[in-house]
Amino acid sequence: MRTLLNWFMPEKTLRGFASASKSVLKNEAIIAVMSASIVAPFIIPKINLLMESVPVLKDHKSIAEFLAGMAIFSIAGTLFPRNIIPRAIVIGIAGAFILSAFLPIYYNITAKNGGVP
């Protein structure tokens, strides 16, 4: 009976949808994924240029990107211990670094096996 009333009262349904949407956008994991796809493409090339100026890191890009991602992950909690949004943004950037470190390895595996991982 209650669901039948909600069907005929769309304003209650819309209010419920709006409050659920707000809670989704406050989720740290969702903010981190959005950061990895929106913010990271602007930050990662600048840090990569900085890492290319070091000869050892220039020769081992994947290892350098993995280490940079781990370093960023380790300081994310200490930079913003109580603020969820900036911490999630930093975690998203670190995740993008680690993903970019593993992409060449993943590509080599899938290319040798004909696309089957």
Protein backbone atom coordinates (compact mmCIF):
# COMPACT_ATOMS: atom_id res chain seq x y z
CA MET A 1 0.00 0.00 0.00
CA ARG A 2 2.81 2.39 0.89
CA THR A 3 4.59 1.85 -2.43
CA LEU A 4 1.32 2.41 -4.22
CA LEU A 5 0.99 5.80 -2.48
CA ASN A 6 4.59 6.69 -3.39
CA TRP A 7 3.77 5.95 -7.01
CA PHE A 8 0.98 8.50 -6.99
CA MET A 9 2.99 11.07 -5.01
CA PRO A 10 5.99 11.85 -7.23
CA GLU A 11 7.25 14.70 -5.03
CA LYS A 12 8.10 12.21 -2.26
CA THR A 13 9.85 10.01 -4.77
CA LEU A 14 11.81 12.96 -6.13
CA ARG A 15 12.83 14.06 -2.64
CA GLY A 16 14.04 10.55 -1.89
CA PHE A 17 15.98 10.47 -5.16
CA ALA A 18 17.56 13.87 -4.41
CA SER A 19 18.68 12.84 -0.93
CA ALA A 20 20.08 9.56 -2.27
CA SER A 21 21.98 11.49 -4.96
CA LYS A 22 23.52 13.77 -2.35
CA SER A 23 24.74 10.80 -0.34
CA VAL A 24 26.26 9.23 -3.45
CA LEU A 25 28.21 12.39 -4.26
CA LYS A 26 29.58 12.48 -0.70
CA ASN A 27 30.95 8.95 -1.00
CA GLU A 28 34.76 8.96 -0.80
CA ALA A 29 35.18 6.13 -3.31
CA ILE A 30 33.05 7.84 -5.94
CA ILE A 31 34.92 11.12 -5.46
CA ALA A 32 38.24 9.26 -5.83
CA VAL A 33 37.14 7.66 -9.11
CA MET A 34 35.90 11.00 -10.43
CA SER A 35 39.21 12.56 -9.41
CA ALA A 36 41.15 9.85 -11.22
CA SER A 37 39.28 10.57 -14.42
CA ILE A 38 38.85 14.35 -14.22
CA VAL A 39 41.65 15.85 -12.08
CA ALA A 40 44.48 13.36 -12.63
CA PRO A 41 44.96 14.03 -16.38
CA PHE A 42 45.98 17.58 -15.49
CA ILE A 43 48.26 16.67 -12.56
CA ILE A 44 50.01 13.49 -13.74
CA PRO A 45 51.76 14.98 -16.81
CA LYS A 46 53.26 17.76 -14.68
CA ILE A 47 54.62 15.28 -12.15
CA ASN A 48 55.87 13.04 -14.99
CA LEU A 49 57.82 15.97 -16.45
CA LEU A 50 59.39 16.51 -13.06
CA MET A 51 60.31 12.82 -12.78
CA GLU A 52 61.81 12.81 -16.29
CA SER A 53 64.40 15.33 -15.14
CA VAL A 54 65.91 12.62 -12.88
CA PRO A 55 67.99 10.23 -15.03
CA VAL A 56 67.24 7.07 -13.02
CA LEU A 57 63.51 7.72 -13.03
CA LYS A 58 63.57 8.58 -16.73
CA ASP A 59 64.90 5.12 -17.56
CA HIS A 60 62.32 3.31 -15.39
CA LYS A 61 59.04 5.15 -15.90
CA SER A 62 56.68 2.43 -14.68
CA ILE A 63 58.59 1.91 -11.46
CA ALA A 64 58.79 5.66 -10.89
CA GLU A 65 55.04 6.09 -11.46
CA PHE A 66 54.26 3.21 -9.10
CA LEU A 67 56.49 4.68 -6.40
CA ALA A 68 54.97 8.13 -6.89
CA GLY A 69 51.49 6.65 -6.55
CA MET A 70 52.43 4.80 -3.37
CA ALA A 71 54.01 7.96 -1.94
CA ILE A 72 50.87 9.97 -2.70
CA PHE A 73 48.69 7.24 -1.15
CA SER A 74 50.79 7.27 2.01
CA ILE A 75 50.45 11.02 2.53
CA ALA A 76 46.75 11.29 1.56
CA GLY A 77 45.54 10.44 5.04
CA THR A 78 47.95 12.76 6.78
CA LEU A 79 47.27 15.75 4.52
CA PHE A 80 43.51 15.78 5.08
CA PRO A 81 42.72 13.56 8.07
CA ARG A 82 39.20 14.88 8.63
CA ASN A 83 38.18 16.29 5.26
CA ILE A 84 36.78 13.57 3.00
CA ILE A 85 36.66 15.42 -0.33
CA PRO A 86 40.32 16.57 -0.63
CA ARG A 87 41.52 13.21 0.70
CA ALA A 88 39.44 11.41 -1.94
CA ILE A 89 40.81 13.67 -4.67
CA VAL A 90 44.40 12.89 -3.63
CA ILE A 91 43.62 9.16 -3.43
CA GLY A 92 42.14 9.32 -6.95
CA ILE A 93 45.30 10.94 -8.28
CA ALA A 94 47.43 8.28 -6.58
CA GLY A 95 45.26 5.55 -8.05
CA ALA A 96 45.67 7.03 -11.52
CA PHE A 97 49.46 6.98 -11.05
CA ILE A 98 49.41 3.32 -10.06
CA LEU A 99 47.08 2.47 -12.95
CA SER A 100 49.38 4.22 -15.42
CA ALA A 101 52.31 2.26 -13.96
CA PHE A 102 50.58 -1.08 -14.60
CA LEU A 103 49.19 -0.30 -18.06
CA PRO A 104 52.43 -1.17 -19.94
CA ILE A 105 52.63 -4.50 -18.10
CA TYR A 106 48.97 -5.24 -18.83
CA TYR A 107 49.45 -4.30 -22.47
CA ASN A 108 52.44 -6.63 -22.82
CA ILE A 109 50.52 -9.54 -21.29
CA THR A 110 47.44 -9.06 -23.43
CA ALA A 111 49.39 -8.42 -26.64
CA LYS A 112 51.37 -11.67 -26.33
CA ASN A 113 48.31 -13.80 -25.66
CA GLY A 114 46.20 -12.36 -28.46
CA GLY A 115 44.08 -10.16 -26.21
CA VAL A 116 43.26 -12.79 -23.58
CA PRO A 117 44.66 -11.84 -20.15
